[in-house]
Amino acid sequence: MKVDKYFDKIDLEGLLERLKDLGKNAGRTSMRPVLSLYFVMKNPETPLSDKLLIGSALAYLVLPINLISVRRWPVVGWVDEMAAIMIAYKKVKRHITPEIESQVNNLLEKWFPELKYELIS
């Protein structure tokens, strides 16, 4: 059974558009791990368990469901989303290949052409 058959039903282009909209507010540096997760999820080499973790984290980021409301607590409201992204990122970062890094860099350059530098620690 091929793992990626389940992901054929996901609108990855629609997800990418939602991430792009989110990126306008989040900024280039914040979008790097998010896009890394996106491209790892698209990779056929990524195990199903990791794809499910990434899909859950990205869905929590883009869907209007929150444990901590951004509207009620503007700064604190992003903590749960960023925690979900960072937990998923730490778990699957071993799957980030040079090709995926290149895809992320190319997309960030396209989305943020005016920003040539970013702070990464």
Protein backbone atom coordinates (compact mmCIF):
# COMPACT_ATOMS: atom_id res chain seq x y z
CA MET A 1 0.00 0.00 0.00
CA LYS A 2 1.43 3.34 -1.04
CA VAL A 3 1.55 5.90 1.78
CA ASP A 4 1.04 8.95 -0.43
CA LYS A 5 -2.35 7.80 -1.72
CA TYR A 6 -3.91 9.37 1.40
CA PHE A 7 -2.31 12.70 0.65
CA ASP A 8 -3.62 12.79 -2.93
CA LYS A 9 -6.91 14.02 -1.47
CA ILE A 10 -5.32 16.98 0.32
CA ASP A 11 -5.40 20.26 -1.58
CA LEU A 12 -1.69 21.04 -1.15
CA GLU A 13 -1.89 24.08 -3.42
CA GLY A 14 -4.76 25.45 -1.35
CA LEU A 15 -2.74 24.82 1.80
CA LEU A 16 0.21 26.66 0.28
CA GLU A 17 -2.03 29.64 -0.50
CA ARG A 18 -3.26 29.71 3.12
CA LEU A 19 0.35 29.57 4.29
CA LYS A 20 1.22 32.44 1.95
CA ASP A 21 -1.59 34.54 3.43
CA LEU A 22 -0.37 33.70 6.91
CA GLY A 23 3.18 34.55 5.90
CA LYS A 24 2.23 38.14 5.11
CA ASN A 25 1.68 38.70 8.83
CA ALA A 26 4.16 36.20 10.25
CA GLY A 27 7.18 37.25 8.20
CA ARG A 28 10.00 35.50 6.39
CA THR A 29 11.86 34.07 9.38
CA SER A 30 8.72 32.59 10.94
CA MET A 31 7.74 30.96 7.67
CA ARG A 32 11.01 29.04 7.19
CA PRO A 33 10.12 26.12 9.53
CA VAL A 34 6.51 26.15 8.30
CA LEU A 35 7.57 25.81 4.67
CA SER A 36 10.16 23.21 5.61
CA LEU A 37 7.36 21.15 7.15
CA TYR A 38 5.21 21.65 4.06
CA PHE A 39 7.91 20.36 1.69
CA VAL A 40 8.83 17.45 4.00
CA MET A 41 5.15 16.47 4.03
CA LYS A 42 5.08 16.51 0.21
CA ASN A 43 8.18 14.30 -0.02
CA PRO A 44 7.26 10.68 -0.89
CA GLU A 45 10.19 9.48 1.25
CA THR A 46 8.66 10.87 4.46
CA PRO A 47 7.02 8.19 6.65
CA LEU A 48 3.25 8.32 7.12
CA SER A 49 3.53 8.95 10.87
CA ASP A 50 5.63 12.06 10.24
CA LYS A 51 3.29 13.25 7.48
CA LEU A 52 0.36 12.94 9.86
CA LEU A 53 2.20 14.94 12.52
CA ILE A 54 3.09 17.66 10.01
CA GLY A 55 -0.42 17.71 8.56
CA SER A 56 -1.89 18.12 12.04
CA ALA A 57 0.46 20.98 12.92
CA LEU A 58 -0.14 22.81 9.64
CA ALA A 59 -3.89 22.30 9.90
CA TYR A 60 -3.88 23.72 13.42
CA LEU A 61 -1.96 26.71 12.08
CA VAL A 62 -4.32 27.54 9.21
CA LEU A 63 -7.70 26.40 10.51
CA PRO A 64 -9.82 28.79 12.62
CA ILE A 65 -9.69 26.47 15.66
CA ASN A 66 -7.59 27.66 18.60
CA LEU A 67 -6.96 26.68 22.19
CA ILE A 68 -5.80 30.22 22.93
CA SER A 69 -7.70 32.90 20.99
CA VAL A 70 -5.60 35.37 19.01
CA ARG A 71 -8.51 37.82 19.12
CA ARG A 72 -8.72 37.80 22.91
CA TRP A 73 -4.96 37.66 23.59
CA PRO A 74 -3.15 38.96 20.48
CA VAL A 75 0.42 38.06 21.45
CA VAL A 76 -0.24 34.99 23.58
CA GLY A 77 -2.67 33.63 21.00
CA TRP A 78 0.14 32.58 18.66
CA VAL A 79 1.94 30.52 21.32
CA ASP A 80 -0.05 27.32 20.77
CA GLU A 81 0.33 27.46 16.98
CA MET A 82 4.07 28.05 17.19
CA ALA A 83 4.43 25.27 19.76
CA ALA A 84 2.69 22.84 17.39
CA ILE A 85 4.94 23.89 14.51
CA MET A 86 8.14 23.65 16.56
CA ILE A 87 7.27 20.23 18.01
CA ALA A 88 6.61 18.89 14.51
CA TYR A 89 9.74 20.59 13.15
CA LYS A 90 12.00 19.08 15.83
CA LYS A 91 10.57 15.62 15.16
CA VAL A 92 10.97 15.67 11.36
CA LYS A 93 13.93 17.98 10.73
CA ARG A 94 16.05 14.95 9.89
CA HIS A 95 14.00 14.69 6.67
CA ILE A 96 15.01 18.17 5.49
CA THR A 97 17.27 17.56 2.51
CA PRO A 98 19.33 20.13 0.58
CA GLU A 99 16.64 19.96 -2.12
CA ILE A 100 13.94 20.86 0.40
CA GLU A 101 16.09 23.71 1.76
CA SER A 102 16.45 24.98 -1.80
CA GLN A 103 12.68 24.80 -2.37
CA VAL A 104 12.07 26.71 0.87
CA ASN A 105 14.67 29.36 -0.04
CA ASN A 106 13.21 29.80 -3.53
CA LEU A 107 9.67 30.19 -2.21
CA LEU A 108 10.75 32.63 0.53
CA GLU A 109 12.58 34.66 -2.12
CA LYS A 110 9.42 34.72 -4.23
CA TRP A 111 7.15 35.67 -1.30
CA PHE A 112 9.53 38.19 0.28
CA PRO A 113 11.65 39.63 -2.56
CA GLU A 114 12.38 42.86 -0.66
CA LEU A 115 13.95 41.01 2.29
CA LYS A 116 17.38 39.62 1.52
CA TYR A 117 18.42 38.78 5.06
CA GLU A 118 16.79 37.14 8.05
CA LEU A 119 17.85 36.43 11.60
CA ILE A 120 18.23 32.71 12.25
CA SER A 121 19.60 31.31 15.47
